[in-house]
Amino acid sequence: MRHPMHLGLLLFPLSLALLIGSLSFILVI
């Protein structure tokens, strides 16, 4: 894959959303 680091970075917003426990952030943002 050409952008493996960006694959990890794609997961960062989800990790933050899960850490703060915001369902709106998890499902939409």
mmCIF file of all heavy atoms, coordinates in Angstrom:
data_MODEL
# 
_entry.id   MODEL 
# 
loop_
_atom_site.group_PDB 
_atom_site.id 
_atom_site.type_symbol 
_atom_site.label_atom_id 
_atom_site.label_alt_id 
_atom_site.label_comp_id 
_atom_site.label_asym_id 
_atom_site.label_entity_id 
_atom_site.label_seq_id 
_atom_site.pdbx_PDB_ins_code 
_atom_site.Cartn_x 
_atom_site.Cartn_y 
_atom_site.Cartn_z 
_atom_site.occupancy 
_atom_site.B_iso_or_equiv 
_atom_site.pdbx_formal_charge 
_atom_site.auth_seq_id 
_atom_site.auth_comp_id 
_atom_site.auth_asym_id 
_atom_site.auth_atom_id 
_atom_site.pdbx_PDB_model_num 
ATOM 1   N N   . MET A 1 1  ? 0.854   -1.200 0.000  1.00 0.00 ? 1  MET A N   1 
ATOM 2   C CA  . MET A 1 1  ? 0.000   0.000  0.000  1.00 0.00 ? 1  MET A CA  1 
ATOM 3   C C   . MET A 1 1  ? 0.883   1.241  0.000  1.00 0.00 ? 1  MET A C   1 
ATOM 4   O O   . MET A 1 1  ? 1.939   1.257  0.607  1.00 0.00 ? 1  MET A O   1 
ATOM 5   C CB  . MET A 1 1  ? -0.997  -0.002 1.154  1.00 0.00 ? 1  MET A CB  1 
ATOM 6   C CG  . MET A 1 1  ? -0.480  0.353  2.518  1.00 0.00 ? 1  MET A CG  1 
ATOM 7   S SD  . MET A 1 1  ? -1.795  0.521  3.742  1.00 0.00 ? 1  MET A SD  1 
ATOM 8   C CE  . MET A 1 1  ? -1.902  -1.145 4.357  1.00 0.00 ? 1  MET A CE  1 
ATOM 9   N N   . ARG A 1 2  ? 0.417   2.272  -0.712 1.00 0.00 ? 2  ARG A N   1 
ATOM 10  C CA  . ARG A 1 2  ? 1.229   3.480  -0.862 1.00 0.00 ? 2  ARG A CA  1 
ATOM 11  C C   . ARG A 1 2  ? 1.184   4.384  0.363  1.00 0.00 ? 2  ARG A C   1 
ATOM 12  O O   . ARG A 1 2  ? 2.121   5.138  0.612  1.00 0.00 ? 2  ARG A O   1 
ATOM 13  C CB  . ARG A 1 2  ? 0.747   4.292  -2.079 1.00 0.00 ? 2  ARG A CB  1 
ATOM 14  C CG  . ARG A 1 2  ? 0.981   3.627  -3.384 1.00 0.00 ? 2  ARG A CG  1 
ATOM 15  C CD  . ARG A 1 2  ? 0.777   4.558  -4.574 1.00 0.00 ? 2  ARG A CD  1 
ATOM 16  N NE  . ARG A 1 2  ? -0.393  5.394  -4.576 1.00 0.00 ? 2  ARG A NE  1 
ATOM 17  C CZ  . ARG A 1 2  ? -1.565  5.067  -5.132 1.00 0.00 ? 2  ARG A CZ  1 
ATOM 18  N NH1 . ARG A 1 2  ? -1.716  3.894  -5.725 1.00 0.00 ? 2  ARG A NH1 1 
ATOM 19  N NH2 . ARG A 1 2  ? -2.579  5.915  -5.109 1.00 0.00 ? 2  ARG A NH2 1 
ATOM 20  N N   . HIS A 1 3  ? 0.113   4.357  1.124  1.00 0.00 ? 3  HIS A N   1 
ATOM 21  C CA  . HIS A 1 3  ? -0.049  5.304  2.230  1.00 0.00 ? 3  HIS A CA  1 
ATOM 22  C C   . HIS A 1 3  ? -0.401  4.606  3.545  1.00 0.00 ? 3  HIS A C   1 
ATOM 23  O O   . HIS A 1 3  ? -1.454  4.864  4.137  1.00 0.00 ? 3  HIS A O   1 
ATOM 24  C CB  . HIS A 1 3  ? -1.122  6.335  1.877  1.00 0.00 ? 3  HIS A CB  1 
ATOM 25  C CG  . HIS A 1 3  ? -0.771  7.193  0.721  1.00 0.00 ? 3  HIS A CG  1 
ATOM 26  N ND1 . HIS A 1 3  ? 0.123   8.228  0.814  1.00 0.00 ? 3  HIS A ND1 1 
ATOM 27  C CD2 . HIS A 1 3  ? -1.171  7.148  -0.577 1.00 0.00 ? 3  HIS A CD2 1 
ATOM 28  C CE1 . HIS A 1 3  ? 0.251   8.802  -0.367 1.00 0.00 ? 3  HIS A CE1 1 
ATOM 29  N NE2 . HIS A 1 3  ? -0.521  8.157  -1.231 1.00 0.00 ? 3  HIS A NE2 1 
ATOM 30  N N   . PRO A 1 4  ? 0.467   3.729  4.036  1.00 0.00 ? 4  PRO A N   1 
ATOM 31  C CA  . PRO A 1 4  ? 0.129   3.030  5.281  1.00 0.00 ? 4  PRO A CA  1 
ATOM 32  C C   . PRO A 1 4  ? 0.021   3.960  6.486  1.00 0.00 ? 4  PRO A C   1 
ATOM 33  O O   . PRO A 1 4  ? -0.822  3.740  7.352  1.00 0.00 ? 4  PRO A O   1 
ATOM 34  C CB  . PRO A 1 4  ? 1.269   2.021  5.443  1.00 0.00 ? 4  PRO A CB  1 
ATOM 35  C CG  . PRO A 1 4  ? 2.388   2.565  4.632  1.00 0.00 ? 4  PRO A CG  1 
ATOM 36  C CD  . PRO A 1 4  ? 1.760   3.307  3.493  1.00 0.00 ? 4  PRO A CD  1 
ATOM 37  N N   . MET A 1 5  ? 0.841   5.018  6.541  1.00 0.00 ? 5  MET A N   1 
ATOM 38  C CA  . MET A 1 5  ? 0.741   5.932  7.676  1.00 0.00 ? 5  MET A CA  1 
ATOM 39  C C   . MET A 1 5  ? -0.613  6.638  7.668  1.00 0.00 ? 5  MET A C   1 
ATOM 40  O O   . MET A 1 5  ? -1.231  6.823  8.716  1.00 0.00 ? 5  MET A O   1 
ATOM 41  C CB  . MET A 1 5  ? 1.859   6.962  7.668  1.00 0.00 ? 5  MET A CB  1 
ATOM 42  C CG  . MET A 1 5  ? 1.836   7.851  8.902  1.00 0.00 ? 5  MET A CG  1 
ATOM 43  S SD  . MET A 1 5  ? 3.181   9.015  9.007  1.00 0.00 ? 5  MET A SD  1 
ATOM 44  C CE  . MET A 1 5  ? 4.568   7.941  9.314  1.00 0.00 ? 5  MET A CE  1 
ATOM 45  N N   . HIS A 1 6  ? -1.093  6.983  6.487  1.00 0.00 ? 6  HIS A N   1 
ATOM 46  C CA  . HIS A 1 6  ? -2.386  7.646  6.410  1.00 0.00 ? 6  HIS A CA  1 
ATOM 47  C C   . HIS A 1 6  ? -3.533  6.703  6.771  1.00 0.00 ? 6  HIS A C   1 
ATOM 48  O O   . HIS A 1 6  ? -4.572  7.155  7.249  1.00 0.00 ? 6  HIS A O   1 
ATOM 49  C CB  . HIS A 1 6  ? -2.593  8.252  5.018  1.00 0.00 ? 6  HIS A CB  1 
ATOM 50  C CG  . HIS A 1 6  ? -1.704  9.421  4.777  1.00 0.00 ? 6  HIS A CG  1 
ATOM 51  N ND1 . HIS A 1 6  ? -0.518  9.312  4.113  1.00 0.00 ? 6  HIS A ND1 1 
ATOM 52  C CD2 . HIS A 1 6  ? -1.818  10.711 5.149  1.00 0.00 ? 6  HIS A CD2 1 
ATOM 53  C CE1 . HIS A 1 6  ? 0.054   10.492 4.061  1.00 0.00 ? 6  HIS A CE1 1 
ATOM 54  N NE2 . HIS A 1 6  ? -0.700  11.358 4.688  1.00 0.00 ? 6  HIS A NE2 1 
ATOM 55  N N   . LEU A 1 7  ? -3.350  5.415  6.558  1.00 0.00 ? 7  LEU A N   1 
ATOM 56  C CA  . LEU A 1 7  ? -4.363  4.458  7.006  1.00 0.00 ? 7  LEU A CA  1 
ATOM 57  C C   . LEU A 1 7  ? -4.520  4.562  8.517  1.00 0.00 ? 7  LEU A C   1 
ATOM 58  O O   . LEU A 1 7  ? -5.636  4.586  9.040  1.00 0.00 ? 7  LEU A O   1 
ATOM 59  C CB  . LEU A 1 7  ? -3.991  3.030  6.595  1.00 0.00 ? 7  LEU A CB  1 
ATOM 60  C CG  . LEU A 1 7  ? -4.974  1.955  7.039  1.00 0.00 ? 7  LEU A CG  1 
ATOM 61  C CD1 . LEU A 1 7  ? -6.333  2.145  6.383  1.00 0.00 ? 7  LEU A CD1 1 
ATOM 62  C CD2 . LEU A 1 7  ? -4.432  0.571  6.715  1.00 0.00 ? 7  LEU A CD2 1 
ATOM 63  N N   . GLY A 1 8  ? -3.401  4.647  9.215  1.00 0.00 ? 8  GLY A N   1 
ATOM 64  C CA  . GLY A 1 8  ? -3.464  4.841  10.664 1.00 0.00 ? 8  GLY A CA  1 
ATOM 65  C C   . GLY A 1 8  ? -4.111  6.158  11.040 1.00 0.00 ? 8  GLY A C   1 
ATOM 66  O O   . GLY A 1 8  ? -4.943  6.232  11.949 1.00 0.00 ? 8  GLY A O   1 
ATOM 67  N N   . LEU A 1 9  ? -3.753  7.214  10.312 1.00 0.00 ? 9  LEU A N   1 
ATOM 68  C CA  . LEU A 1 9  ? -4.315  8.529  10.611 1.00 0.00 ? 9  LEU A CA  1 
ATOM 69  C C   . LEU A 1 9  ? -5.816  8.594  10.329 1.00 0.00 ? 9  LEU A C   1 
ATOM 70  O O   . LEU A 1 9  ? -6.528  9.373  10.964 1.00 0.00 ? 9  LEU A O   1 
ATOM 71  C CB  . LEU A 1 9  ? -3.573  9.607  9.821  1.00 0.00 ? 9  LEU A CB  1 
ATOM 72  C CG  . LEU A 1 9  ? -2.120  9.820  10.237 1.00 0.00 ? 9  LEU A CG  1 
ATOM 73  C CD1 . LEU A 1 9  ? -1.453  10.850 9.338  1.00 0.00 ? 9  LEU A CD1 1 
ATOM 74  C CD2 . LEU A 1 9  ? -1.998  10.207 11.699 1.00 0.00 ? 9  LEU A CD2 1 
ATOM 75  N N   . LEU A 1 10 ? -6.294  7.763  9.405  1.00 0.00 ? 10 LEU A N   1 
ATOM 76  C CA  . LEU A 1 10 ? -7.742  7.700  9.148  1.00 0.00 ? 10 LEU A CA  1 
ATOM 77  C C   . LEU A 1 10 ? -8.503  7.230  10.385 1.00 0.00 ? 10 LEU A C   1 
ATOM 78  O O   . LEU A 1 10 ? -9.669  7.573  10.580 1.00 0.00 ? 10 LEU A O   1 
ATOM 79  C CB  . LEU A 1 10 ? -8.046  6.748  7.991  1.00 0.00 ? 10 LEU A CB  1 
ATOM 80  C CG  . LEU A 1 10 ? -7.772  7.259  6.593  1.00 0.00 ? 10 LEU A CG  1 
ATOM 81  C CD1 . LEU A 1 10 ? -7.892  6.123  5.589  1.00 0.00 ? 10 LEU A CD1 1 
ATOM 82  C CD2 . LEU A 1 10 ? -8.716  8.383  6.236  1.00 0.00 ? 10 LEU A CD2 1 
ATOM 83  N N   . LEU A 1 11 ? -7.838  6.432  11.211 1.00 0.00 ? 11 LEU A N   1 
ATOM 84  C CA  . LEU A 1 11 ? -8.472  5.899  12.418 1.00 0.00 ? 11 LEU A CA  1 
ATOM 85  C C   . LEU A 1 11 ? -8.412  6.863  13.603 1.00 0.00 ? 11 LEU A C   1 
ATOM 86  O O   . LEU A 1 11 ? -9.098  6.654  14.599 1.00 0.00 ? 11 LEU A O   1 
ATOM 87  C CB  . LEU A 1 11 ? -7.805  4.575  12.811 1.00 0.00 ? 11 LEU A CB  1 
ATOM 88  C CG  . LEU A 1 11 ? -7.937  3.434  11.817 1.00 0.00 ? 11 LEU A CG  1 
ATOM 89  C CD1 . LEU A 1 11 ? -7.079  2.252  12.258 1.00 0.00 ? 11 LEU A CD1 1 
ATOM 90  C CD2 . LEU A 1 11 ? -9.384  3.028  11.663 1.00 0.00 ? 11 LEU A CD2 1 
ATOM 91  N N   . PHE A 1 12 ? -7.581  7.902  13.494 1.00 0.00 ? 12 PHE A N   1 
ATOM 92  C CA  . PHE A 1 12 ? -7.407  8.804  14.638 1.00 0.00 ? 12 PHE A CA  1 
ATOM 93  C C   . PHE A 1 12 ? -8.693  9.520  15.051 1.00 0.00 ? 12 PHE A C   1 
ATOM 94  O O   . PHE A 1 12 ? -9.017  9.559  16.254 1.00 0.00 ? 12 PHE A O   1 
ATOM 95  C CB  . PHE A 1 12 ? -6.274  9.798  14.381 1.00 0.00 ? 12 PHE A CB  1 
ATOM 96  C CG  . PHE A 1 12 ? -5.922  10.593 15.602 1.00 0.00 ? 12 PHE A CG  1 
ATOM 97  C CD1 . PHE A 1 12 ? -5.273  9.996  16.667 1.00 0.00 ? 12 PHE A CD1 1 
ATOM 98  C CD2 . PHE A 1 12 ? -6.292  11.917 15.707 1.00 0.00 ? 12 PHE A CD2 1 
ATOM 99  C CE1 . PHE A 1 12 ? -4.965  10.715 17.810 1.00 0.00 ? 12 PHE A CE1 1 
ATOM 100 C CE2 . PHE A 1 12 ? -5.994  12.652 16.843 1.00 0.00 ? 12 PHE A CE2 1 
ATOM 101 C CZ  . PHE A 1 12 ? -5.329  12.049 17.895 1.00 0.00 ? 12 PHE A CZ  1 
ATOM 102 N N   . PRO A 1 13 ? -9.473  10.106 14.121 1.00 0.00 ? 13 PRO A N   1 
ATOM 103 C CA  . PRO A 1 13 ? -10.732 10.728 14.564 1.00 0.00 ? 13 PRO A CA  1 
ATOM 104 C C   . PRO A 1 13 ? -11.668 9.746  15.273 1.00 0.00 ? 13 PRO A C   1 
ATOM 105 O O   . PRO A 1 13 ? -12.296 10.101 16.278 1.00 0.00 ? 13 PRO A O   1 
ATOM 106 C CB  . PRO A 1 13 ? -11.358 11.248 13.262 1.00 0.00 ? 13 PRO A CB  1 
ATOM 107 C CG  . PRO A 1 13 ? -10.205 11.441 12.337 1.00 0.00 ? 13 PRO A CG  1 
ATOM 108 C CD  . PRO A 1 13 ? -9.230  10.338 12.684 1.00 0.00 ? 13 PRO A CD  1 
ATOM 109 N N   . LEU A 1 14 ? -11.728 8.510  14.788 1.00 0.00 ? 14 LEU A N   1 
ATOM 110 C CA  . LEU A 1 14 ? -12.558 7.511  15.450 1.00 0.00 ? 14 LEU A CA  1 
ATOM 111 C C   . LEU A 1 14 ? -12.048 7.220  16.857 1.00 0.00 ? 14 LEU A C   1 
ATOM 112 O O   . LEU A 1 14 ? -12.841 7.107  17.803 1.00 0.00 ? 14 LEU A O   1 
ATOM 113 C CB  . LEU A 1 14 ? -12.608 6.217  14.630 1.00 0.00 ? 14 LEU A CB  1 
ATOM 114 C CG  . LEU A 1 14 ? -13.376 5.066  15.257 1.00 0.00 ? 14 LEU A CG  1 
ATOM 115 C CD1 . LEU A 1 14 ? -14.846 5.436  15.471 1.00 0.00 ? 14 LEU A CD1 1 
ATOM 116 C CD2 . LEU A 1 14 ? -13.242 3.813  14.418 1.00 0.00 ? 14 LEU A CD2 1 
ATOM 117 N N   . SER A 1 15 ? -10.728 7.113  17.011 1.00 0.00 ? 15 SER A N   1 
ATOM 118 C CA  . SER A 1 15 ? -10.188 6.837  18.348 1.00 0.00 ? 15 SER A CA  1 
ATOM 119 C C   . SER A 1 15 ? -10.526 7.969  19.309 1.00 0.00 ? 15 SER A C   1 
ATOM 120 O O   . SER A 1 15 ? -10.922 7.716  20.446 1.00 0.00 ? 15 SER A O   1 
ATOM 121 C CB  . SER A 1 15 ? -8.678  6.588  18.293 1.00 0.00 ? 15 SER A CB  1 
ATOM 122 O OG  . SER A 1 15 ? -7.967  7.767  17.991 1.00 0.00 ? 15 SER A OG  1 
ATOM 123 N N   . LEU A 1 16 ? -10.399 9.206  18.857 1.00 0.00 ? 16 LEU A N   1 
ATOM 124 C CA  . LEU A 1 16 ? -10.738 10.345 19.713 1.00 0.00 ? 16 LEU A CA  1 
ATOM 125 C C   . LEU A 1 16 ? -12.227 10.346 20.045 1.00 0.00 ? 16 LEU A C   1 
ATOM 126 O O   . LEU A 1 16 ? -12.617 10.573 21.192 1.00 0.00 ? 16 LEU A O   1 
ATOM 127 C CB  . LEU A 1 16 ? -10.334 11.655 19.034 1.00 0.00 ? 16 LEU A CB  1 
ATOM 128 C CG  . LEU A 1 16 ? -10.606 12.927 19.815 1.00 0.00 ? 16 LEU A CG  1 
ATOM 129 C CD1 . LEU A 1 16 ? -9.889  12.919 21.155 1.00 0.00 ? 16 LEU A CD1 1 
ATOM 130 C CD2 . LEU A 1 16 ? -10.195 14.140 18.999 1.00 0.00 ? 16 LEU A CD2 1 
ATOM 131 N N   . ALA A 1 17 ? -13.063 10.064 19.050 1.00 0.00 ? 17 ALA A N   1 
ATOM 132 C CA  . ALA A 1 17 ? -14.508 10.016 19.275 1.00 0.00 ? 17 ALA A CA  1 
ATOM 133 C C   . ALA A 1 17 ? -14.864 8.962  20.318 1.00 0.00 ? 17 ALA A C   1 
ATOM 134 O O   . ALA A 1 17 ? -15.700 9.196  21.195 1.00 0.00 ? 17 ALA A O   1 
ATOM 135 C CB  . ALA A 1 17 ? -15.227 9.727  17.955 1.00 0.00 ? 17 ALA A CB  1 
ATOM 136 N N   . LEU A 1 18 ? -14.226 7.798  20.221 1.00 0.00 ? 18 LEU A N   1 
ATOM 137 C CA  . LEU A 1 18 ? -14.474 6.733  21.200 1.00 0.00 ? 18 LEU A CA  1 
ATOM 138 C C   . LEU A 1 18 ? -13.956 7.122  22.581 1.00 0.00 ? 18 LEU A C   1 
ATOM 139 O O   . LEU A 1 18 ? -14.610 6.843  23.591 1.00 0.00 ? 18 LEU A O   1 
ATOM 140 C CB  . LEU A 1 18 ? -13.829 5.431  20.729 1.00 0.00 ? 18 LEU A CB  1 
ATOM 141 C CG  . LEU A 1 18 ? -14.491 4.758  19.531 1.00 0.00 ? 18 LEU A CG  1 
ATOM 142 C CD1 . LEU A 1 18 ? -13.567 3.715  18.915 1.00 0.00 ? 18 LEU A CD1 1 
ATOM 143 C CD2 . LEU A 1 18 ? -15.820 4.146  19.929 1.00 0.00 ? 18 LEU A CD2 1 
ATOM 144 N N   . LEU A 1 19 ? -12.801 7.756  22.627 1.00 0.00 ? 19 LEU A N   1 
ATOM 145 C CA  . LEU A 1 19 ? -12.230 8.148  23.919 1.00 0.00 ? 19 LEU A CA  1 
ATOM 146 C C   . LEU A 1 19 ? -13.131 9.149  24.656 1.00 0.00 ? 19 LEU A C   1 
ATOM 147 O O   . LEU A 1 19 ? -13.290 9.041  25.877 1.00 0.00 ? 19 LEU A O   1 
ATOM 148 C CB  . LEU A 1 19 ? -10.833 8.743  23.736 1.00 0.00 ? 19 LEU A CB  1 
ATOM 149 C CG  . LEU A 1 19 ? -9.732  7.754  23.374 1.00 0.00 ? 19 LEU A CG  1 
ATOM 150 C CD1 . LEU A 1 19 ? -8.458  8.487  22.988 1.00 0.00 ? 19 LEU A CD1 1 
ATOM 151 C CD2 . LEU A 1 19 ? -9.473  6.781  24.512 1.00 0.00 ? 19 LEU A CD2 1 
ATOM 152 N N   . ILE A 1 20 ? -13.703 10.092 23.924 1.00 0.00 ? 20 ILE A N   1 
ATOM 153 C CA  . ILE A 1 20 ? -14.577 11.064 24.605 1.00 0.00 ? 20 ILE A CA  1 
ATOM 154 C C   . ILE A 1 20 ? -16.004 10.547 24.737 1.00 0.00 ? 20 ILE A C   1 
ATOM 155 O O   . ILE A 1 20 ? -16.801 11.145 25.440 1.00 0.00 ? 20 ILE A O   1 
ATOM 156 C CB  . ILE A 1 20 ? -14.554 12.455 23.929 1.00 0.00 ? 20 ILE A CB  1 
ATOM 157 C CG1 . ILE A 1 20 ? -15.139 12.415 22.533 1.00 0.00 ? 20 ILE A CG1 1 
ATOM 158 C CG2 . ILE A 1 20 ? -13.159 13.040 23.936 1.00 0.00 ? 20 ILE A CG2 1 
ATOM 159 C CD1 . ILE A 1 20 ? -15.330 13.785 21.919 1.00 0.00 ? 20 ILE A CD1 1 
ATOM 160 N N   . GLY A 1 21 ? -16.315 9.445  24.071 1.00 0.00 ? 21 GLY A N   1 
ATOM 161 C CA  . GLY A 1 21 ? -17.639 8.826  24.215 1.00 0.00 ? 21 GLY A CA  1 
ATOM 162 C C   . GLY A 1 21 ? -18.753 9.608  23.565 1.00 0.00 ? 21 GLY A C   1 
ATOM 163 O O   . GLY A 1 21 ? -19.858 9.672  24.102 1.00 0.00 ? 21 GLY A O   1 
ATOM 164 N N   . SER A 1 22 ? -18.476 10.208 22.410 1.00 0.00 ? 22 SER A N   1 
ATOM 165 C CA  . SER A 1 22 ? -19.493 10.988 21.705 1.00 0.00 ? 22 SER A CA  1 
ATOM 166 C C   . SER A 1 22 ? -20.048 10.173 20.550 1.00 0.00 ? 22 SER A C   1 
ATOM 167 O O   . SER A 1 22 ? -19.371 9.952  19.548 1.00 0.00 ? 22 SER A O   1 
ATOM 168 C CB  . SER A 1 22 ? -18.887 12.296 21.171 1.00 0.00 ? 22 SER A CB  1 
ATOM 169 O OG  . SER A 1 22 ? -19.783 12.912 20.275 1.00 0.00 ? 22 SER A OG  1 
ATOM 170 N N   . LEU A 1 23 ? -21.292 9.747  20.672 1.00 0.00 ? 23 LEU A N   1 
ATOM 171 C CA  . LEU A 1 23 ? -21.918 8.941  19.634 1.00 0.00 ? 23 LEU A CA  1 
ATOM 172 C C   . LEU A 1 23 ? -22.068 9.734  18.328 1.00 0.00 ? 23 LEU A C   1 
ATOM 173 O O   . LEU A 1 23 ? -21.894 9.181  17.242 1.00 0.00 ? 23 LEU A O   1 
ATOM 174 C CB  . LEU A 1 23 ? -23.272 8.414  20.107 1.00 0.00 ? 23 LEU A CB  1 
ATOM 175 C CG  . LEU A 1 23 ? -23.872 7.285  19.275 1.00 0.00 ? 23 LEU A CG  1 
ATOM 176 C CD1 . LEU A 1 23 ? -22.925 6.096  19.178 1.00 0.00 ? 23 LEU A CD1 1 
ATOM 177 C CD2 . LEU A 1 23 ? -25.201 6.851  19.861 1.00 0.00 ? 23 LEU A CD2 1 
ATOM 178 N N   . SER A 1 24 ? -22.340 11.029 18.424 1.00 0.00 ? 24 SER A N   1 
ATOM 179 C CA  . SER A 1 24 ? -22.431 11.867 17.223 1.00 0.00 ? 24 SER A CA  1 
ATOM 180 C C   . SER A 1 24 ? -21.085 11.921 16.505 1.00 0.00 ? 24 SER A C   1 
ATOM 181 O O   . SER A 1 24 ? -21.024 11.870 15.276 1.00 0.00 ? 24 SER A O   1 
ATOM 182 C CB  . SER A 1 24 ? -22.862 13.280 17.590 1.00 0.00 ? 24 SER A CB  1 
ATOM 183 O OG  . SER A 1 24 ? -24.109 13.278 18.221 1.00 0.00 ? 24 SER A OG  1 
ATOM 184 N N   . PHE A 1 25 ? -20.015 12.047 17.271 1.00 0.00 ? 25 PHE A N   1 
ATOM 185 C CA  . PHE A 1 25 ? -18.672 12.074 16.695 1.00 0.00 ? 25 PHE A CA  1 
ATOM 186 C C   . PHE A 1 25 ? -18.363 10.714 16.061 1.00 0.00 ? 25 PHE A C   1 
ATOM 187 O O   . PHE A 1 25 ? -17.837 10.642 14.945 1.00 0.00 ? 25 PHE A O   1 
ATOM 188 C CB  . PHE A 1 25 ? -17.661 12.430 17.787 1.00 0.00 ? 25 PHE A CB  1 
ATOM 189 C CG  . PHE A 1 25 ? -16.305 12.880 17.317 1.00 0.00 ? 25 PHE A CG  1 
ATOM 190 C CD1 . PHE A 1 25 ? -15.398 13.389 18.236 1.00 0.00 ? 25 PHE A CD1 1 
ATOM 191 C CD2 . PHE A 1 25 ? -15.902 12.813 15.993 1.00 0.00 ? 25 PHE A CD2 1 
ATOM 192 C CE1 . PHE A 1 25 ? -14.133 13.815 17.847 1.00 0.00 ? 25 PHE A CE1 1 
ATOM 193 C CE2 . PHE A 1 25 ? -14.641 13.233 15.587 1.00 0.00 ? 25 PHE A CE2 1 
ATOM 194 C CZ  . PHE A 1 25 ? -13.757 13.735 16.517 1.00 0.00 ? 25 PHE A CZ  1 
ATOM 195 N N   . ILE A 1 26 ? -18.719 9.637  16.750 1.00 0.00 ? 26 ILE A N   1 
ATOM 196 C CA  . ILE A 1 26 ? -18.445 8.285  16.252 1.00 0.00 ? 26 ILE A CA  1 
ATOM 197 C C   . ILE A 1 26 ? -19.193 8.017  14.945 1.00 0.00 ? 26 ILE A C   1 
ATOM 198 O O   . ILE A 1 26 ? -18.607 7.517  13.980 1.00 0.00 ? 26 ILE A O   1 
ATOM 199 C CB  . ILE A 1 26 ? -18.834 7.222  17.316 1.00 0.00 ? 26 ILE A CB  1 
ATOM 200 C CG1 . ILE A 1 26 ? -17.931 7.324  18.545 1.00 0.00 ? 26 ILE A CG1 1 
ATOM 201 C CG2 . ILE A 1 26 ? -18.774 5.810  16.717 1.00 0.00 ? 26 ILE A CG2 1 
ATOM 202 C CD1 . ILE A 1 26 ? -18.448 6.555  19.766 1.00 0.00 ? 26 ILE A CD1 1 
ATOM 203 N N   . LEU A 1 27 ? -20.486 8.341  14.904 1.00 0.00 ? 27 LEU A N   1 
ATOM 204 C CA  . LEU A 1 27 ? -21.335 7.963  13.768 1.00 0.00 ? 27 LEU A CA  1 
ATOM 205 C C   . LEU A 1 27 ? -21.335 8.944  12.608 1.00 0.00 ? 27 LEU A C   1 
ATOM 206 O O   . LEU A 1 27 ? -21.554 8.542  11.464 1.00 0.00 ? 27 LEU A O   1 
ATOM 207 C CB  . LEU A 1 27 ? -22.781 7.775  14.248 1.00 0.00 ? 27 LEU A CB  1 
ATOM 208 C CG  . LEU A 1 27 ? -23.018 6.668  15.254 1.00 0.00 ? 27 LEU A CG  1 
ATOM 209 C CD1 . LEU A 1 27 ? -24.472 6.659  15.697 1.00 0.00 ? 27 LEU A CD1 1 
ATOM 210 C CD2 . LEU A 1 27 ? -22.608 5.314  14.688 1.00 0.00 ? 27 LEU A CD2 1 
ATOM 211 N N   . VAL A 1 28 ? -21.108 10.237 12.880 1.00 0.00 ? 28 VAL A N   1 
ATOM 212 C CA  . VAL A 1 28 ? -21.238 11.246 11.831 1.00 0.00 ? 28 VAL A CA  1 
ATOM 213 C C   . VAL A 1 28 ? -19.913 11.964 11.553 1.00 0.00 ? 28 VAL A C   1 
ATOM 214 O O   . VAL A 1 28 ? -19.424 11.985 10.424 1.00 0.00 ? 28 VAL A O   1 
ATOM 215 C CB  . VAL A 1 28 ? -22.331 12.288 12.201 1.00 0.00 ? 28 VAL A CB  1 
ATOM 216 C CG1 . VAL A 1 28 ? -22.435 13.371 11.149 1.00 0.00 ? 28 VAL A CG1 1 
ATOM 217 C CG2 . VAL A 1 28 ? -23.675 11.607 12.407 1.00 0.00 ? 28 VAL A CG2 1 
ATOM 218 N N   . ILE A 1 29 ? -19.338 12.551 12.580 1.00 0.00 ? 29 ILE A N   1 
ATOM 219 C CA  . ILE A 1 29 ? -18.190 13.441 12.378 1.00 0.00 ? 29 ILE A CA  1 
ATOM 220 C C   . ILE A 1 29 ? -16.924 12.672 12.011 1.00 0.00 ? 29 ILE A C   1 
ATOM 221 O O   . ILE A 1 29 ? -16.220 13.049 11.060 1.00 0.00 ? 29 ILE A O   1 
ATOM 222 C CB  . ILE A 1 29 ? -17.978 14.320 13.629 1.00 0.00 ? 29 ILE A CB  1 
ATOM 223 C CG1 . ILE A 1 29 ? -19.232 15.172 13.865 1.00 0.00 ? 29 ILE A CG1 1 
ATOM 224 C CG2 . ILE A 1 29 ? -16.742 15.205 13.475 1.00 0.00 ? 29 ILE A CG2 1 
ATOM 225 C CD1 . ILE A 1 29 ? -19.312 15.802 15.224 1.00 0.00 ? 29 ILE A CD1 1 
# 
